[in-house]
PDB file of N, CA and C in Angstrom:
ATOM      1  N   MET A   1      -7.464  15.755   3.113  1.00  0.00           N
ATOM      2  CA  MET A   1      -7.614  14.555   3.934  1.00  0.00           C
ATOM      3  C   MET A   1      -6.961  13.387   3.197  1.00  0.00           C
ATOM      4  N   CYS A   2      -6.203  12.608   3.921  1.00  0.00           N
ATOM      5  CA  CYS A   2      -5.521  11.444   3.360  1.00  0.00           C
ATOM      6  C   CYS A   2      -6.404  10.206   3.496  1.00  0.00           C
ATOM      7  N   ARG A   3      -6.143   9.245   2.638  1.00  0.00           N
ATOM      8  CA  ARG A   3      -6.762   7.919   2.732  1.00  0.00           C
ATOM      9  C   ARG A   3      -5.679   6.962   3.185  1.00  0.00           C
ATOM     10  N   LEU A   4      -5.937   6.260   4.289  1.00  0.00           N
ATOM     11  CA  LEU A   4      -4.978   5.313   4.841  1.00  0.00           C
ATOM     12  C   LEU A   4      -5.597   3.924   4.814  1.00  0.00           C
ATOM     13  N   TYR A   5      -4.977   3.037   4.054  1.00  0.00           N
ATOM     14  CA  TYR A   5      -5.421   1.649   3.993  1.00  0.00           C
ATOM     15  C   TYR A   5      -4.587   0.841   4.979  1.00  0.00           C
ATOM     16  N   THR A   6      -5.286   0.120   5.864  1.00  0.00           N
ATOM     17  CA  THR A   6      -4.610  -0.630   6.920  1.00  0.00           C
ATOM     18  C   THR A   6      -5.256  -1.993   7.117  1.00  0.00           C
ATOM     19  N   TYR A   7      -4.561  -2.812   7.899  1.00  0.00           N
ATOM     20  CA  TYR A   7      -5.099  -4.073   8.392  1.00  0.00           C
ATOM     21  C   TYR A   7      -5.088  -3.983   9.904  1.00  0.00           C
ATOM     22  N   LYS A   8      -6.224  -4.265  10.530  1.00  0.00           N
ATOM     23  CA  LYS A   8      -6.364  -4.014  11.969  1.00  0.00           C
ATOM     24  C   LYS A   8      -5.349  -4.749  12.836  1.00  0.00           C
ATOM     25  N   ASN A   9      -4.862  -5.914  12.426  1.00  0.00           N
ATOM     26  CA  ASN A   9      -3.918  -6.679  13.234  1.00  0.00           C
ATOM     27  C   ASN A   9      -2.456  -6.390  12.889  1.00  0.00           C
ATOM     28  N   CYS A  10      -2.220  -5.363  12.120  1.00  0.00           N
ATOM     29  CA  CYS A  10      -0.873  -5.042  11.645  1.00  0.00           C
ATOM     30  C   CYS A  10      -0.210  -4.002  12.565  1.00  0.00           C
ATOM     31  N   SER A  11       0.877  -4.391  13.199  1.00  0.00           N
ATOM     32  CA  SER A  11       1.565  -3.465  14.103  1.00  0.00           C
ATOM     33  C   SER A  11       2.184  -2.293  13.335  1.00  0.00           C
ATOM     34  N   THR A  12       2.618  -2.522  12.119  1.00  0.00           N
ATOM     35  CA  THR A  12       3.187  -1.461  11.303  1.00  0.00           C
ATOM     36  C   THR A  12       2.117  -0.423  10.964  1.00  0.00           C
ATOM     37  N   CYS A  13       0.908  -0.884  10.722  1.00  0.00           N
ATOM     38  CA  CYS A  13      -0.200   0.038  10.448  1.00  0.00           C
ATOM     39  C   CYS A  13      -0.490   0.901  11.680  1.00  0.00           C
ATOM     40  N   ARG A  14      -0.423   0.298  12.852  1.00  0.00           N
ATOM     41  CA  ARG A  14      -0.643   1.066  14.086  1.00  0.00           C
ATOM     42  C   ARG A  14       0.436   2.127  14.257  1.00  0.00           C
ATOM     43  N   LYS A  15       1.672   1.801  13.923  1.00  0.00           N
ATOM     44  CA  LYS A  15       2.758   2.785  13.996  1.00  0.00           C
ATOM     45  C   LYS A  15       2.515   3.928  13.028  1.00  0.00           C
ATOM     46  N   ALA A  16       2.036   3.609  11.835  1.00  0.00           N
ATOM     47  CA  ALA A  16       1.746   4.644  10.836  1.00  0.00           C
ATOM     48  C   ALA A  16       0.652   5.585  11.345  1.00  0.00           C
ATOM     49  N   LYS A  17      -0.383   5.027  11.955  1.00  0.00           N
ATOM     50  CA  LYS A  17      -1.461   5.853  12.487  1.00  0.00           C
ATOM     51  C   LYS A  17      -0.940   6.766  13.602  1.00  0.00           C
ATOM     52  N   LYS A  18      -0.083   6.249  14.452  1.00  0.00           N
ATOM     53  CA  LYS A  18       0.503   7.073  15.511  1.00  0.00           C
ATOM     54  C   LYS A  18       1.325   8.210  14.923  1.00  0.00           C
ATOM     55  N   CYS A  19       2.060   7.910  13.860  1.00  0.00           N
ATOM     56  CA  CYS A  19       2.867   8.911  13.169  1.00  0.00           C
ATOM     57  C   CYS A  19       1.977  10.027  12.622  1.00  0.00           C
ATOM     58  N   LEU A  20       0.905   9.653  11.965  1.00  0.00           N
ATOM     59  CA  LEU A  20      -0.024  10.655  11.405  1.00  0.00           C
ATOM     60  C   LEU A  20      -0.691  11.457  12.511  1.00  0.00           C
ATOM     61  N   ASP A  21      -1.127  10.767  13.560  1.00  0.00           N
ATOM     62  CA  ASP A  21      -1.776  11.444  14.682  1.00  0.00           C
ATOM     63  C   ASP A  21      -0.829  12.437  15.344  1.00  0.00           C
ATOM     64  N   ALA A  22       0.418  12.039  15.546  1.00  0.00           N
ATOM     65  CA  ALA A  22       1.402  12.912  16.188  1.00  0.00           C
ATOM     66  C   ALA A  22       1.677  14.172  15.363  1.00  0.00           C
ATOM     67  N   ARG A  23       1.532  14.065  14.049  1.00  0.00           N
ATOM     68  CA  ARG A  23       1.759  15.206  13.164  1.00  0.00           C
ATOM     69  C   ARG A  23       0.477  15.986  12.873  1.00  0.00           C
ATOM     70  N   GLY A  24      -0.621  15.525  13.437  1.00  0.00           N
ATOM     71  CA  GLY A  24      -1.898  16.211  13.230  1.00  0.00           C
ATOM     72  C   GLY A  24      -2.426  16.104  11.812  1.00  0.00           C
ATOM     73  N   ILE A  25      -2.087  15.022  11.129  1.00  0.00           N
ATOM     74  CA  ILE A  25      -2.517  14.824   9.748  1.00  0.00           C
ATOM     75  C   ILE A  25      -3.838  14.064   9.746  1.00  0.00           C
ATOM     76  N   ALA A  26      -4.845  14.663   9.132  1.00  0.00           N
ATOM     77  CA  ALA A  26      -6.174  14.052   9.072  1.00  0.00           C
ATOM     78  C   ALA A  26      -6.195  12.941   8.032  1.00  0.00           C
ATOM     79  N   TYR A  27      -6.876  11.855   8.367  1.00  0.00           N
ATOM     80  CA  TYR A  27      -6.978  10.732   7.443  1.00  0.00           C
ATOM     81  C   TYR A  27      -8.258   9.958   7.693  1.00  0.00           C
ATOM     82  N   THR A  28      -8.693   9.271   6.658  1.00  0.00           N
ATOM     83  CA  THR A  28      -9.773   8.307   6.810  1.00  0.00           C
ATOM     84  C   THR A  28      -9.136   6.941   6.657  1.00  0.00           C
ATOM     85  N   GLU A  29      -9.531   6.046   7.527  1.00  0.00           N
ATOM     86  CA  GLU A  29      -8.945   4.702   7.530  1.00  0.00           C
ATOM     87  C   GLU A  29      -9.859   3.732   6.789  1.00  0.00           C
ATOM     88  N   HIS A  30      -9.252   2.897   5.965  1.00  0.00           N
ATOM     89  CA  HIS A  30     -10.001   1.932   5.167  1.00  0.00           C
ATOM     90  C   HIS A  30      -9.377   0.543   5.347  1.00  0.00           C
ATOM     91  N   PRO A  31     -10.202  -0.490   5.538  1.00  0.00           N
ATOM     92  CA  PRO A  31      -9.669  -1.851   5.699  1.00  0.00           C
ATOM     93  C   PRO A  31      -9.158  -2.384   4.359  1.00  0.00           C
ATOM     94  N   ILE A  32      -7.871  -2.603   4.284  1.00  0.00           N
ATOM     95  CA  ILE A  32      -7.218  -2.951   3.020  1.00  0.00           C
ATOM     96  C   ILE A  32      -7.678  -4.293   2.452  1.00  0.00           C
ATOM     97  N   ARG A  33      -8.025  -5.225   3.315  1.00  0.00           N
ATOM     98  CA  ARG A  33      -8.462  -6.538   2.821  1.00  0.00           C
ATOM     99  C   ARG A  33      -9.868  -6.478   2.232  1.00  0.00           C
ATOM    100  N   GLU A  34     -10.731  -5.716   2.866  1.00  0.00           N
ATOM    101  CA  GLU A  34     -12.117  -5.638   2.416  1.00  0.00           C
ATOM    102  C   GLU A  34     -12.307  -4.631   1.290  1.00  0.00           C
ATOM    103  N   THR A  35     -11.567  -3.539   1.330  1.00  0.00           N
ATOM    104  CA  THR A  35     -11.691  -2.487   0.314  1.00  0.00           C
ATOM    105  C   THR A  35     -10.301  -2.051  -0.139  1.00  0.00           C
ATOM    106  N   PRO A  36      -9.677  -2.846  -0.994  1.00  0.00           N
ATOM    107  CA  PRO A  36      -8.334  -2.499  -1.468  1.00  0.00           C
ATOM    108  C   PRO A  36      -8.352  -1.193  -2.270  1.00  0.00           C
ATOM    109  N   PRO A  37      -7.201  -0.578  -2.442  1.00  0.00           N
ATOM    110  CA  PRO A  37      -7.122   0.655  -3.226  1.00  0.00           C
ATOM    111  C   PRO A  37      -7.671   0.444  -4.644  1.00  0.00           C
ATOM    112  N   THR A  38      -8.207   1.520  -5.207  1.00  0.00           N
ATOM    113  CA  THR A  38      -8.762   1.489  -6.556  1.00  0.00           C
ATOM    114  C   THR A  38      -7.632   1.418  -7.582  1.00  0.00           C
ATOM    115  N   PRO A  39      -7.951   1.058  -8.822  1.00  0.00           N
ATOM    116  CA  PRO A  39      -6.911   1.077  -9.863  1.00  0.00           C
ATOM    117  C   PRO A  39      -6.248   2.453 -10.011  1.00  0.00           C
ATOM    118  N   ALA A  40      -7.038   3.516  -9.883  1.00  0.00           N
ATOM    119  CA  ALA A  40      -6.459   4.870  -9.977  1.00  0.00           C
ATOM    120  C   ALA A  40      -5.496   5.133  -8.825  1.00  0.00           C
ATOM    121  N   GLU A  41      -5.849   4.675  -7.631  1.00  0.00           N
ATOM    122  CA  GLU A  41      -4.966   4.854  -6.472  1.00  0.00           C
ATOM    123  C   GLU A  41      -3.706   4.009  -6.629  1.00  0.00           C
ATOM    124  N   LEU A  42      -3.857   2.802  -7.122  1.00  0.00           N
ATOM    125  CA  LEU A  42      -2.692   1.952  -7.352  1.00  0.00           C
ATOM    126  C   LEU A  42      -1.769   2.586  -8.397  1.00  0.00           C
ATOM    127  N   ALA A  43      -2.344   3.145  -9.438  1.00  0.00           N
ATOM    128  CA  ALA A  43      -1.545   3.794 -10.487  1.00  0.00           C
ATOM    129  C   ALA A  43      -0.798   5.003  -9.938  1.00  0.00           C
ATOM    130  N   ARG A  44      -1.449   5.754  -9.080  1.00  0.00           N
ATOM    131  CA  ARG A  44      -0.789   6.914  -8.468  1.00  0.00           C
ATOM    132  C   ARG A  44       0.378   6.481  -7.576  1.00  0.00           C
ATOM    133  N   MET A  45       0.175   5.417  -6.810  1.00  0.00           N
ATOM    134  CA  MET A  45       1.242   4.925  -5.946  1.00  0.00           C
ATOM    135  C   MET A  45       2.379   4.359  -6.790  1.00  0.00           C
ATOM    136  N   LEU A  46       2.045   3.657  -7.844  1.00  0.00           N
ATOM    137  CA  LEU A  46       3.062   3.106  -8.739  1.00  0.00           C
ATOM    138  C   LEU A  46       3.933   4.230  -9.308  1.00  0.00           C
ATOM    139  N   LYS A  47       3.306   5.311  -9.702  1.00  0.00           N
ATOM    140  CA  LYS A  47       4.048   6.459 -10.227  1.00  0.00           C
ATOM    141  C   LYS A  47       4.960   7.050  -9.150  1.00  0.00           C
ATOM    142  N   ALA A  48       4.470   7.110  -7.917  1.00  0.00           N
ATOM    143  CA  ALA A  48       5.270   7.652  -6.808  1.00  0.00           C
ATOM    144  C   ALA A  48       6.523   6.832  -6.558  1.00  0.00           C
ATOM    145  N   TYR A  49       6.480   5.551  -6.943  1.00  0.00           N
ATOM    146  CA  TYR A  49       7.632   4.663  -6.756  1.00  0.00           C
ATOM    147  C   TYR A  49       8.281   4.323  -8.100  1.00  0.00           C
ATOM    148  N   ASP A  50       8.227   5.286  -9.006  1.00  0.00           N
ATOM    149  CA  ASP A  50       8.921   5.186 -10.303  1.00  0.00           C
ATOM    150  C   ASP A  50       8.631   3.904 -11.062  1.00  0.00           C
ATOM    151  N   GLY A  51       7.395   3.436 -10.976  1.00  0.00           N
ATOM    152  CA  GLY A  51       6.982   2.268 -11.750  1.00  0.00           C
ATOM    153  C   GLY A  51       7.440   0.935 -11.200  1.00  0.00           C
ATOM    154  N   LYS A  52       7.960   0.890  -9.976  1.00  0.00           N
ATOM    155  CA  LYS A  52       8.430  -0.359  -9.371  1.00  0.00           C
ATOM    156  C   LYS A  52       7.241  -1.121  -8.780  1.00  0.00           C
ATOM    157  N   MET A  53       6.700  -2.007  -9.573  1.00  0.00           N
ATOM    158  CA  MET A  53       5.487  -2.729  -9.199  1.00  0.00           C
ATOM    159  C   MET A  53       5.646  -3.501  -7.887  1.00  0.00           C
ATOM    160  N   THR A  54       6.815  -4.038  -7.617  1.00  0.00           N
ATOM    161  CA  THR A  54       7.001  -4.816  -6.385  1.00  0.00           C
ATOM    162  C   THR A  54       6.743  -3.974  -5.144  1.00  0.00           C
ATOM    163  N   ARG A  55       6.890  -2.650  -5.234  1.00  0.00           N
ATOM    164  CA  ARG A  55       6.643  -1.777  -4.080  1.00  0.00           C
ATOM    165  C   ARG A  55       5.183  -1.809  -3.648  1.00  0.00           C
ATOM    166  N   LEU A  56       4.285  -2.173  -4.546  1.00  0.00           N
ATOM    167  CA  LEU A  56       2.862  -2.207  -4.218  1.00  0.00           C
ATOM    168  C   LEU A  56       2.436  -3.525  -3.585  1.00  0.00           C
ATOM    169  N   PHE A  57       3.284  -4.533  -3.681  1.00  0.00           N
ATOM    170  CA  PHE A  57       2.931  -5.871  -3.210  1.00  0.00           C
ATOM    171  C   PHE A  57       3.514  -6.162  -1.832  1.00  0.00           C
ATOM    172  N   ASN A  58       2.735  -6.850  -1.032  1.00  0.00           N
ATOM    173  CA  ASN A  58       3.152  -7.326   0.280  1.00  0.00           C
ATOM    174  C   ASN A  58       3.956  -8.611   0.041  1.00  0.00           C
ATOM    175  N   THR A  59       5.224  -8.430  -0.278  1.00  0.00           N
ATOM    176  CA  THR A  59       6.073  -9.547  -0.684  1.00  0.00           C
ATOM    177  C   THR A  59       6.356 -10.541   0.443  1.00  0.00           C
ATOM    178  N   SER A  60       6.047 -10.157   1.667  1.00  0.00           N
ATOM    179  CA  SER A  60       6.275 -11.081   2.780  1.00  0.00           C
ATOM    180  C   SER A  60       5.030 -11.892   3.130  1.00  0.00           C
ATOM    181  N   SER A  61       3.923 -11.660   2.406  1.00  0.00           N
ATOM    182  CA  SER A  61       2.695 -12.387   2.737  1.00  0.00           C
ATOM    183  C   SER A  61       2.721 -13.816   2.196  1.00  0.00           C
ATOM    184  N   GLN A  62       2.007 -14.663   2.886  1.00  0.00           N
ATOM    185  CA  GLN A  62       1.880 -16.056   2.449  1.00  0.00           C
ATOM    186  C   GLN A  62       1.153 -16.121   1.107  1.00  0.00           C
ATOM    187  N   ASP A  63       0.183 -15.244   0.905  1.00  0.00           N
ATOM    188  CA  ASP A  63      -0.560 -15.221  -0.365  1.00  0.00           C
ATOM    189  C   ASP A  63       0.381 -14.936  -1.533  1.00  0.00           C
ATOM    190  N   TYR A  64       1.324 -14.023  -1.336  1.00  0.00           N
ATOM    191  CA  TYR A  64       2.300 -13.674  -2.374  1.00  0.00           C
ATOM    192  C   TYR A  64       3.167 -14.892  -2.704  1.00  0.00           C
ATOM    193  N   ARG A  65       3.644 -15.554  -1.658  1.00  0.00           N
ATOM    194  CA  ARG A  65       4.487 -16.734  -1.856  1.00  0.00           C
ATOM    195  C   ARG A  65       3.708 -17.884  -2.497  1.00  0.00           C
ATOM    196  N   ASP A  66       2.491 -18.128  -1.991  1.00  0.00           N
ATOM    197  CA  ASP A  66       1.681 -19.230  -2.514  1.00  0.00           C
ATOM    198  C   ASP A  66       1.361 -19.058  -3.997  1.00  0.00           C
ATOM    199  N   ALA A  67       1.191 -17.812  -4.421  1.00  0.00           N
ATOM    200  CA  ALA A  67       0.860 -17.536  -5.831  1.00  0.00           C
ATOM    201  C   ALA A  67       2.097 -17.519  -6.727  1.00  0.00           C
ATOM    202  N   GLY A  68       3.289 -17.656  -6.135  1.00  0.00           N
ATOM    203  CA  GLY A  68       4.518 -17.645  -6.923  1.00  0.00           C
ATOM    204  C   GLY A  68       4.762 -16.312  -7.608  1.00  0.00           C
ATOM    205  N   LEU A  69       4.339 -15.234  -6.971  1.00  0.00           N
ATOM    206  CA  LEU A  69       4.411 -13.928  -7.611  1.00  0.00           C
ATOM    207  C   LEU A  69       5.829 -13.395  -7.769  1.00  0.00           C
ATOM    208  N   LYS A  70       6.754 -13.889  -6.986  1.00  0.00           N
ATOM    209  CA  LYS A  70       8.145 -13.452  -7.155  1.00  0.00           C
ATOM    210  C   LYS A  70       8.597 -13.705  -8.590  1.00  0.00           C
ATOM    211  N   ASP A  71       8.214 -14.838  -9.130  1.00  0.00           N
ATOM    212  CA  ASP A  71       8.599 -15.194 -10.498  1.00  0.00           C
ATOM    213  C   ASP A  71       7.611 -14.668 -11.546  1.00  0.00           C
ATOM    214  N   LYS A  72       6.334 -14.570 -11.188  1.00  0.00           N
ATOM    215  CA  LYS A  72       5.310 -14.166 -12.148  1.00  0.00           C
ATOM    216  C   LYS A  72       5.203 -12.660 -12.338  1.00  0.00           C
ATOM    217  N   LEU A  73       5.451 -11.907 -11.273  1.00  0.00           N
ATOM    218  CA  LEU A  73       5.204 -10.461 -11.305  1.00  0.00           C
ATOM    219  C   LEU A  73       5.910  -9.726 -12.445  1.00  0.00           C
ATOM    220  N   PRO A  74       7.174 -10.034 -12.739  1.00  0.00           N
ATOM    221  CA  PRO A  74       7.841  -9.304 -13.823  1.00  0.00           C
ATOM    222  C   PRO A  74       7.174  -9.443 -15.194  1.00  0.00           C
ATOM    223  N   SER A  75       6.449 -10.521 -15.409  1.00  0.00           N
ATOM    224  CA  SER A  75       5.830 -10.730 -16.727  1.00  0.00           C
ATOM    225  C   SER A  75       4.372 -10.260 -16.784  1.00  0.00           C
ATOM    226  N   LEU A  76       3.822  -9.801 -15.659  1.00  0.00           N
ATOM    227  CA  LEU A  76       2.432  -9.351 -15.650  1.00  0.00           C
ATOM    228  C   LEU A  76       2.320  -7.925 -16.184  1.00  0.00           C
ATOM    229  N   SER A  77       1.230  -7.650 -16.866  1.00  0.00           N
ATOM    230  CA  SER A  77       0.940  -6.279 -17.277  1.00  0.00           C
ATOM    231  C   SER A  77       0.473  -5.502 -16.047  1.00  0.00           C
ATOM    232  N   GLN A  78       0.439  -4.192 -16.158  1.00  0.00           N
ATOM    233  CA  GLN A  78      -0.048  -3.372 -15.057  1.00  0.00           C
ATOM    234  C   GLN A  78      -1.496  -3.740 -14.730  1.00  0.00           C
ATOM    235  N   ASP A  79      -2.321  -3.923 -15.731  1.00  0.00           N
ATOM    236  CA  ASP A  79      -3.722  -4.287 -15.502  1.00  0.00           C
ATOM    237  C   ASP A  79      -3.842  -5.626 -14.782  1.00  0.00           C
ATOM    238  N   GLU A  80      -3.030  -6.588 -15.158  1.00  0.00           N
ATOM    239  CA  GLU A  80      -3.066  -7.906 -14.512  1.00  0.00           C
ATOM    240  C   GLU A  80      -2.613  -7.800 -13.055  1.00  0.00           C
ATOM    241  N   ALA A  81      -1.559  -7.040 -12.801  1.00  0.00           N
ATOM    242  CA  ALA A  81      -1.064  -6.864 -11.434  1.00  0.00           C
ATOM    243  C   ALA A  81      -2.102  -6.150 -10.574  1.00  0.00           C
ATOM    244  N   PHE A  82      -2.702  -5.090 -11.124  1.00  0.00           N
ATOM    245  CA  PHE A  82      -3.727  -4.357 -10.376  1.00  0.00           C
ATOM    246  C   PHE A  82      -4.931  -5.242 -10.087  1.00  0.00           C
ATOM    247  N   ALA A  83      -5.298  -6.101 -11.038  1.00  0.00           N
ATOM    248  CA  ALA A  83      -6.425  -7.013 -10.825  1.00  0.00           C
ATOM    249  C   ALA A  83      -6.140  -7.949  -9.655  1.00  0.00           C
ATOM    250  N   LEU A  84      -4.921  -8.435  -9.546  1.00  0.00           N
ATOM    251  CA  LEU A  84      -4.547  -9.292  -8.410  1.00  0.00           C
ATOM    252  C   LEU A  84      -4.659  -8.524  -7.089  1.00  0.00           C
ATOM    253  N   LEU A  85      -4.172  -7.301  -7.074  1.00  0.00           N
ATOM    254  CA  LEU A  85      -4.215  -6.485  -5.862  1.00  0.00           C
ATOM    255  C   LEU A  85      -5.648  -6.164  -5.458  1.00  0.00           C
ATOM    256  N   ARG A  86      -6.497  -5.908  -6.437  1.00  0.00           N
ATOM    257  CA  ARG A  86      -7.904  -5.590  -6.154  1.00  0.00           C
ATOM    258  C   ARG A  86      -8.672  -6.832  -5.690  1.00  0.00           C
ATOM    259  N   LYS A  87      -8.298  -7.974  -6.223  1.00  0.00           N
ATOM    260  CA  LYS A  87      -8.992  -9.223  -5.865  1.00  0.00           C
ATOM    261  C   LYS A  87      -8.620  -9.694  -4.464  1.00  0.00           C
ATOM    262  N   ASN A  88      -7.385  -9.449  -4.067  1.00  0.00           N
ATOM    263  CA  ASN A  88      -6.895  -9.925  -2.770  1.00  0.00           C
ATOM    264  C   ASN A  88      -6.143  -8.782  -2.083  1.00  0.00           C
ATOM    265  N   GLY A  89      -6.856  -8.047  -1.238  1.00  0.00           N
ATOM    266  CA  GLY A  89      -6.260  -6.910  -0.535  1.00  0.00           C
ATOM    267  C   GLY A  89      -5.086  -7.282   0.339  1.00  0.00           C
ATOM    268  N   ASN A  90      -4.961  -8.565   0.696  1.00  0.00           N
ATOM    269  CA  ASN A  90      -3.829  -9.004   1.496  1.00  0.00           C
ATOM    270  C   ASN A  90      -2.516  -8.920   0.708  1.00  0.00           C
ATOM    271  N   LEU A  91      -2.619  -8.847  -0.610  1.00  0.00           N
ATOM    272  CA  LEU A  91      -1.420  -8.727  -1.436  1.00  0.00           C
ATOM    273  C   LEU A  91      -0.867  -7.302  -1.474  1.00  0.00           C
ATOM    274  N   VAL A  92      -1.673  -6.331  -1.071  1.00  0.00           N
ATOM    275  CA  VAL A  92      -1.264  -4.930  -1.128  1.00  0.00           C
ATOM    276  C   VAL A  92      -0.348  -4.602   0.048  1.00  0.00           C
ATOM    277  N   LYS A  93       0.770  -3.985  -0.254  1.00  0.00           N
ATOM    278  CA  LYS A  93       1.698  -3.543   0.800  1.00  0.00           C
ATOM    279  C   LYS A  93       0.969  -2.563   1.692  1.00  0.00           C
ATOM    280  N   ARG A  94       1.133  -2.719   2.976  1.00  0.00           N
ATOM    281  CA  ARG A  94       0.472  -1.836   3.933  1.00  0.00           C
ATOM    282  C   ARG A  94       1.450  -1.305   4.955  1.00  0.00           C
ATOM    283  N   PRO A  95       1.126  -0.205   5.541  1.00  0.00           N
ATOM    284  CA  PRO A  95       0.031   0.696   5.248  1.00  0.00           C
ATOM    285  C   PRO A  95       0.230   1.398   3.907  1.00  0.00           C
ATOM    286  N   PHE A  96      -0.867   1.875   3.367  1.00  0.00           N
ATOM    287  CA  PHE A  96      -0.922   2.471   2.034  1.00  0.00           C
ATOM    288  C   PHE A  96      -1.579   3.829   2.215  1.00  0.00           C
ATOM    289  N   LEU A  97      -0.812   4.907   2.056  1.00  0.00           N
ATOM    290  CA  LEU A  97      -1.298   6.268   2.341  1.00  0.00           C
ATOM    291  C   LEU A  97      -1.282   7.128   1.090  1.00  0.00           C
ATOM    292  N   LEU A  98      -2.426   7.725   0.810  1.00  0.00           N
ATOM    293  CA  LEU A  98      -2.540   8.680  -0.299  1.00  0.00           C
ATOM    294  C   LEU A  98      -3.188   9.960   0.198  1.00  0.00           C
ATOM    295  N   GLY A  99      -2.599  11.077  -0.174  1.00  0.00           N
ATOM    296  CA  GLY A  99      -3.176  12.377   0.138  1.00  0.00           C
ATOM    297  C   GLY A  99      -2.930  13.304  -1.027  1.00  0.00           C
ATOM    298  N   GLU A 100      -3.330  14.537  -0.885  1.00  0.00           N
ATOM    299  CA  GLU A 100      -3.182  15.488  -1.982  1.00  0.00           C
ATOM    300  C   GLU A 100      -1.739  15.590  -2.459  1.00  0.00           C
ATOM    301  N   ASN A 101      -0.810  15.619  -1.526  1.00  0.00           N
ATOM    302  CA  ASN A 101       0.603  15.775  -1.878  1.00  0.00           C
ATOM    303  C   ASN A 101       1.481  14.648  -1.363  1.00  0.00           C
ATOM    304  N   VAL A 102       0.885  13.504  -1.076  1.00  0.00           N
ATOM    305  CA  VAL A 102       1.671  12.398  -0.527  1.00  0.00           C
ATOM    306  C   VAL A 102       1.164  11.060  -1.074  1.00  0.00           C
ATOM    307  N   ALA A 103       2.119  10.189  -1.328  1.00  0.00           N
ATOM    308  CA  ALA A 103       1.819   8.802  -1.714  1.00  0.00           C
ATOM    309  C   ALA A 103       2.967   7.964  -1.154  1.00  0.00           C
ATOM    310  N   VAL A 104       2.654   7.139  -0.170  1.00  0.00           N
ATOM    311  CA  VAL A 104       3.689   6.330   0.469  1.00  0.00           C
ATOM    312  C   VAL A 104       3.087   4.999   0.915  1.00  0.00           C
ATOM    313  N   VAL A 105       3.896   3.955   0.765  1.00  0.00           N
ATOM    314  CA  VAL A 105       3.445   2.616   1.107  1.00  0.00           C
ATOM    315  C   VAL A 105       4.490   1.947   1.989  1.00  0.00           C
ATOM    316  N   GLY A 106       4.022   1.078   2.900  1.00  0.00           N
ATOM    317  CA  GLY A 106       4.940   0.504   3.879  1.00  0.00           C
ATOM    318  C   GLY A 106       5.273   1.578   4.884  1.00  0.00           C
ATOM    319  N   PHE A 107       5.640   1.222   6.084  1.00  0.00           N
ATOM    320  CA  PHE A 107       5.946   2.265   7.061  1.00  0.00           C
ATOM    321  C   PHE A 107       7.389   2.179   7.513  1.00  0.00           C
ATOM    322  N   LYS A 108       8.091   3.249   7.237  1.00  0.00           N
ATOM    323  CA  LYS A 108       9.422   3.500   7.789  1.00  0.00           C
ATOM    324  C   LYS A 108       9.373   4.932   8.263  1.00  0.00           C
ATOM    325  N   ASP A 109       9.606   5.141   9.552  1.00  0.00           N
ATOM    326  CA  ASP A 109       9.422   6.458  10.151  1.00  0.00           C
ATOM    327  C   ASP A 109      10.171   7.552   9.394  1.00  0.00           C
ATOM    328  N   ASP A 110      11.431   7.305   9.024  1.00  0.00           N
ATOM    329  CA  ASP A 110      12.201   8.348   8.345  1.00  0.00           C
ATOM    330  C   ASP A 110      11.634   8.659   6.957  1.00  0.00           C
ATOM    331  N   GLU A 111      11.187   7.647   6.239  1.00  0.00           N
ATOM    332  CA  GLU A 111      10.609   7.870   4.910  1.00  0.00           C
ATOM    333  C   GLU A 111       9.302   8.658   5.022  1.00  0.00           C
ATOM    334  N   TRP A 112       8.470   8.287   5.975  1.00  0.00           N
ATOM    335  CA  TRP A 112       7.206   8.992   6.151  1.00  0.00           C
ATOM    336  C   TRP A 112       7.449  10.431   6.580  1.00  0.00           C
ATOM    337  N   ALA A 113       8.408  10.639   7.473  1.00  0.00           N
ATOM    338  CA  ALA A 113       8.716  12.009   7.906  1.00  0.00           C
ATOM    339  C   ALA A 113       9.156  12.861   6.722  1.00  0.00           C
ATOM    340  N   ALA A 114       9.947  12.298   5.828  1.00  0.00           N
ATOM    341  CA  ALA A 114      10.421  13.046   4.656  1.00  0.00           C
ATOM    342  C   ALA A 114       9.277  13.325   3.678  1.00  0.00           C
ATOM    343  N   ARG A 115       8.355  12.389   3.521  1.00  0.00           N
ATOM    344  CA  ARG A 115       7.267  12.549   2.551  1.00  0.00           C
ATOM    345  C   ARG A 115       6.099  13.354   3.094  1.00  0.00           C
ATOM    346  N   LEU A 116       5.949  13.374   4.399  1.00  0.00           N
ATOM    347  CA  LEU A 116       4.834  14.125   4.993  1.00  0.00           C
ATOM    348  C   LEU A 116       5.260  15.567   5.159  1.00  0.00           C
TER     349      LEU A 116
END
C-alpha cells in the first residue's frame, strides 16, 4: 500500500489520485499540510531524487518565496531543511507518493507511469 500526501484543493493532487485509481494502485491519503511526511519519508524521497533537496520543496508556493528559500536552501543542512518541511507542510512538493517500490513527488503523468 502506498502513502499519498495531498492537499484537498490541489488539482495536480486530484490528477495523481485519478492516475493511481486508473492503475488499480492502493493508497492511503494523508493531508500534507496537517501531517507532512516524516523525516524518514523525506530522506527516502531525497534519495530517490539523487539528493536534490529542491525536489522536495514546493518552490512555487508563497511560503517558499516569503521565506527566501531560493537563496537559503543551498546552505541548509538536511536536518534544517527537513525541519522546515515538517513545520510547514505547505512547503512540501505535492503530491508526494511513497510505496514499497516507488518514491515520486510532483505529478507528471509520464514520470508517474514510468515509476509505477
